[in-house]
Amino acid sequence: MMNASTRRAFVIGATGLAVMAAAHGTSFDCSKAKGEVETLVCSDASLAALDQRLDTVYQAAVAKAKGKLANQLRAEQRGWIKGRNDCWKAKGQPTWITATWTVDTVRGCVEAQTRLRTSRLQAVWRLLPPRTVTYACQGNPANEVVANFFVTDPATIQLERGDRTKTLWQIGRPDAGSYEGQNVNLVHQGSTIRLNWLDTDTGKTDELDCKAR
C-alpha cells in the first residue's frame, strides 16, 4: 500500500506526464502511461512527435481500409504497439531493427521502430505517390521485378515479384543505395538494382542483377 508521500509523488508524476503530453501530443493518454516505453514517449518531445505522426498516418490508413482489412490493420497496429513496448529490453543489449541495423538503447529502439512503422504504412497503403520502376533481371524481360519508391523517413521500397510483395527500408548513407527488408536486400544504383531474395520455402536465395526497362 502506498504511503501519503508515495501517493503524492505518483499523482505529481502522472500529472507531469499529462502536461508534457498536452505540450508534445501523443496518440495515447499519458496520464495512463504504462511501462518504461510509454513513459519515455510522454517525456521526450521528439519521440512524442514521432508517435503523433505515426498516429496521423495510421488513421489515414484506417480510413482507406474496408471491412476485414480494417480489422486486420487494427489488430496489426495493436501487435506493433506491443512490440514497441518491448523496446525496454534494448537497454544495453543489441537489438536488431533490420538485418544490419542495430540499436542498444530504449530510446533508439522506440525511434527506429516508430519511423519504420510510419513509413511502412505510408508505402503499403499508398498514402504517398510512389515512383514506380519495372526491372528486367538476368537480362530476361520475363524475369521481372517492380519497385515502388516512396519518399518516406527512412526511404522505402515496396518490391513486387510475381505474387510476392516486400517492404524494404534504406539503410546507411543515401548514396550507398542499400535497402533491407525481411529476407530481402538490394542495392540501387542509377538504373540498376542488385537483389538478394530468400525463398523461405526452399531455403534458396535468388541473386539477381536487374536493369530498368
Protein backbone atom coordinates (compact mmCIF):
# COMPACT_ATOMS: atom_id res chain seq x y z
CA MET A 1 0.00 0.00 0.00
CA MET A 2 1.29 3.48 -0.89
CA ASN A 3 2.04 5.87 1.97
CA ALA A 4 0.97 9.50 1.71
CA SER A 5 4.26 10.77 0.27
CA THR A 6 4.36 7.97 -2.30
CA ARG A 7 0.80 8.73 -3.38
CA ARG A 8 1.66 12.43 -3.78
CA ALA A 9 4.72 11.56 -5.87
CA PHE A 10 2.64 9.22 -8.06
CA VAL A 11 -0.03 11.88 -8.63
CA ILE A 12 2.56 14.55 -9.38
CA GLY A 13 4.36 12.21 -11.79
CA ALA A 14 1.14 11.32 -13.62
CA THR A 15 0.15 14.99 -13.78
CA GLY A 16 3.57 15.89 -15.15
CA LEU A 17 3.24 13.31 -17.91
CA ALA A 18 -0.21 14.65 -18.77
CA VAL A 19 1.17 18.19 -19.02
CA MET A 20 4.05 17.02 -21.23
CA ALA A 21 1.63 15.05 -23.38
CA ALA A 22 -0.50 18.16 -23.89
CA ALA A 23 2.60 20.07 -24.93
CA HIS A 24 4.07 17.35 -27.16
CA GLY A 25 0.98 15.49 -28.40
CA THR A 26 0.83 11.69 -28.28
CA SER A 27 -1.55 9.06 -29.59
CA PHE A 28 -2.43 7.87 -26.08
CA ASP A 29 -3.34 9.34 -22.70
CA CYS A 30 -0.07 9.97 -20.88
CA SER A 31 -1.85 10.12 -17.51
CA LYS A 32 -2.43 6.39 -18.06
CA ALA A 33 1.01 5.60 -19.46
CA LYS A 34 2.20 2.10 -18.59
CA GLY A 35 5.75 0.83 -18.54
CA GLU A 36 9.11 2.34 -19.38
CA VAL A 37 8.49 2.88 -23.08
CA GLU A 38 5.18 4.75 -22.85
CA THR A 39 6.60 6.88 -20.02
CA LEU A 40 9.62 7.68 -22.18
CA VAL A 41 7.46 8.68 -25.18
CA CYS A 42 5.45 11.02 -22.95
CA SER A 43 8.59 12.68 -21.55
CA ASP A 44 10.53 13.04 -24.82
CA ALA A 45 9.35 15.73 -27.24
CA SER A 46 10.95 14.11 -30.31
CA LEU A 47 9.50 10.66 -29.59
CA ALA A 48 6.12 12.19 -28.83
CA ALA A 49 6.17 13.97 -32.20
CA LEU A 50 7.06 10.71 -33.98
CA ASP A 51 4.27 8.93 -32.12
CA GLN A 52 1.76 11.60 -33.11
CA ARG A 53 2.92 11.48 -36.73
CA LEU A 54 2.53 7.71 -36.75
CA ASP A 55 -0.99 8.02 -35.37
CA THR A 56 -1.91 10.51 -38.13
CA VAL A 57 -0.57 8.12 -40.78
CA TYR A 58 -2.28 5.14 -39.14
CA GLN A 59 -5.64 6.95 -39.07
CA ALA A 60 -5.22 7.77 -42.77
CA ALA A 61 -4.58 4.08 -43.47
CA VAL A 62 -7.65 3.06 -41.44
CA ALA A 63 -9.73 5.50 -43.47
CA LYS A 64 -8.65 3.69 -46.68
CA ALA A 65 -9.14 0.18 -45.29
CA LYS A 66 -12.51 -1.55 -45.66
CA GLY A 67 -14.19 -4.43 -43.85
CA LYS A 68 -11.84 -7.23 -42.85
CA LEU A 69 -8.83 -5.24 -43.97
CA ALA A 70 -9.66 -2.52 -41.44
CA ASN A 71 -9.95 -5.12 -38.67
CA GLN A 72 -6.66 -6.70 -39.73
CA LEU A 73 -4.97 -3.31 -39.74
CA ARG A 74 -6.19 -2.52 -36.22
CA ALA A 75 -5.01 -5.91 -34.97
CA GLU A 76 -1.66 -5.38 -36.68
CA GLN A 77 -1.29 -1.98 -35.02
CA ARG A 78 -2.06 -3.42 -31.58
CA GLY A 79 0.60 -6.05 -32.20
CA TRP A 80 3.07 -3.37 -33.28
CA ILE A 81 2.43 -1.35 -30.11
CA LYS A 82 3.08 -4.43 -28.00
CA GLY A 83 6.34 -4.99 -29.87
CA ARG A 84 7.36 -1.34 -29.50
CA ASN A 85 6.70 -1.53 -25.76
CA ASP A 86 9.18 -4.42 -25.63
CA CYS A 87 11.90 -1.91 -26.53
CA TRP A 88 12.70 -1.72 -22.79
CA LYS A 89 14.73 -4.87 -23.47
CA ALA A 90 17.11 -2.87 -25.68
CA LYS A 91 18.83 -1.23 -22.72
CA GLY A 92 22.49 -2.09 -23.28
CA GLN A 93 21.53 -5.06 -25.48
CA PRO A 94 21.97 -5.09 -29.28
CA THR A 95 18.50 -5.09 -30.80
CA TRP A 96 18.01 -5.80 -34.50
CA ILE A 97 15.91 -3.33 -36.47
CA THR A 98 16.85 -4.78 -39.87
CA ALA A 99 19.48 -7.31 -40.96
CA THR A 100 22.37 -4.90 -40.29
CA TRP A 101 20.76 -2.02 -38.35
CA THR A 102 21.02 -2.46 -34.59
CA VAL A 103 20.38 -0.23 -31.58
CA ASP A 104 21.29 -0.69 -27.92
CA THR A 105 19.17 1.91 -26.13
CA VAL A 106 15.48 2.04 -25.32
CA ARG A 107 15.14 5.43 -26.99
CA GLY A 108 16.96 4.30 -30.13
CA CYS A 109 14.70 1.26 -30.39
CA VAL A 110 11.49 3.27 -29.97
CA GLU A 111 12.61 5.87 -32.52
CA ALA A 112 13.64 3.28 -35.10
CA GLN A 113 10.53 1.14 -34.69
CA THR A 114 8.24 4.17 -34.94
CA ARG A 115 9.93 5.50 -38.07
CA LEU A 116 9.79 2.11 -39.76
CA ARG A 117 6.14 1.57 -38.85
CA THR A 118 5.18 5.02 -40.17
CA SER A 119 6.99 4.55 -43.48
CA ARG A 120 5.60 1.02 -43.90
CA LEU A 121 2.02 2.26 -43.52
CA GLN A 122 2.67 5.08 -45.98
CA ALA A 123 4.02 2.60 -48.54
CA VAL A 124 1.63 -0.32 -48.06
CA TRP A 125 -1.46 1.89 -48.09
CA ARG A 126 -0.15 4.22 -50.83
CA LEU A 127 -0.54 7.31 -48.64
CA LEU A 128 2.22 8.90 -50.72
CA PRO A 129 2.60 8.65 -54.50
CA PRO A 130 5.32 6.17 -55.49
CA ARG A 131 7.85 6.37 -58.27
CA THR A 132 7.39 3.02 -60.00
CA VAL A 133 10.18 1.35 -61.94
CA THR A 134 9.99 -2.04 -63.67
CA TYR A 135 13.21 -4.03 -63.87
CA ALA A 136 14.22 -6.97 -66.06
CA CYS A 137 16.53 -9.34 -64.19
CA GLN A 138 19.32 -11.54 -65.52
CA GLY A 139 18.75 -9.97 -68.96
CA ASN A 140 15.36 -11.67 -69.22
CA PRO A 141 12.30 -9.39 -69.59
CA ALA A 142 10.13 -12.22 -68.26
CA ASN A 143 12.11 -12.22 -65.01
CA GLU A 144 10.51 -9.03 -63.78
CA VAL A 145 10.69 -7.05 -60.53
CA VAL A 146 8.64 -3.93 -59.88
CA ALA A 147 9.98 -1.40 -57.39
CA ASN A 148 7.77 1.34 -55.93
CA PHE A 149 9.99 4.03 -54.40
CA PHE A 150 8.48 6.17 -51.61
CA VAL A 151 9.94 9.37 -50.17
CA THR A 152 9.48 8.43 -46.53
CA ASP A 153 11.68 8.54 -43.41
CA PRO A 154 13.59 6.33 -43.93
CA ALA A 155 13.11 5.96 -47.68
CA THR A 156 11.02 2.90 -48.54
CA ILE A 157 10.67 0.48 -51.45
CA GLN A 158 7.66 -1.76 -51.99
CA LEU A 159 9.11 -4.57 -54.06
CA GLU A 160 6.84 -6.81 -56.18
CA ARG A 161 7.96 -10.09 -57.68
CA GLY A 162 5.21 -12.29 -59.03
CA ASP A 163 2.59 -12.55 -56.29
CA ARG A 164 5.06 -11.63 -53.54
CA THR A 165 5.49 -8.17 -52.04
CA LYS A 166 8.16 -6.96 -49.64
CA THR A 167 8.81 -3.68 -47.83
CA LEU A 168 12.44 -2.53 -47.68
CA TRP A 169 13.99 0.45 -45.90
CA GLN A 170 17.03 2.49 -46.82
CA ILE A 171 19.99 1.72 -44.58
CA GLY A 172 23.10 3.83 -44.08
CA ARG A 173 24.15 6.66 -46.38
CA PRO A 174 21.60 7.55 -49.07
CA ASP A 175 24.27 7.49 -51.79
CA ALA A 176 25.03 3.84 -50.96
CA GLY A 177 21.56 2.86 -52.17
CA SER A 178 21.25 -0.01 -49.69
CA TYR A 179 17.81 -1.28 -48.67
CA GLU A 180 16.85 -4.10 -46.31
CA GLY A 181 13.64 -5.93 -45.51
CA GLN A 182 12.57 -9.32 -44.24
CA ASN A 183 14.58 -11.93 -46.15
CA VAL A 184 15.34 -9.40 -48.90
CA ASN A 185 18.06 -6.81 -49.51
CA LEU A 186 19.10 -4.78 -52.52
CA VAL A 187 21.49 -2.11 -53.71
CA HIS A 188 20.07 0.56 -56.00
CA GLN A 189 22.46 2.46 -58.23
CA GLY A 190 21.27 4.51 -61.19
CA SER A 191 19.15 2.31 -63.45
CA THR A 192 20.15 -0.97 -61.81
CA ILE A 193 19.44 -2.96 -58.68
CA ARG A 194 21.31 -5.95 -57.26
CA LEU A 195 18.83 -8.06 -55.36
CA ASN A 196 19.07 -10.96 -52.88
CA TRP A 197 15.72 -12.63 -52.12
CA LEU A 198 15.50 -15.60 -49.75
CA ASP A 199 12.79 -18.15 -50.54
CA THR A 200 11.82 -19.40 -47.07
CA ASP A 201 10.08 -22.44 -48.57
CA THR A 202 13.21 -23.77 -50.27
CA GLY A 203 15.93 -22.02 -48.27
CA LYS A 204 17.41 -20.81 -51.56
CA THR A 205 18.49 -17.20 -52.07
CA ASP A 206 17.99 -15.75 -55.54
CA GLU A 207 20.76 -13.36 -56.52
CA LEU A 208 19.52 -11.07 -59.28
CA ASP A 209 21.07 -8.31 -61.35
CA CYS A 210 18.26 -6.16 -62.70
CA LYS A 211 18.09 -3.21 -65.08
CA ALA A 212 15.28 -0.69 -65.50
CA ARG A 213 13.16 -1.35 -68.57
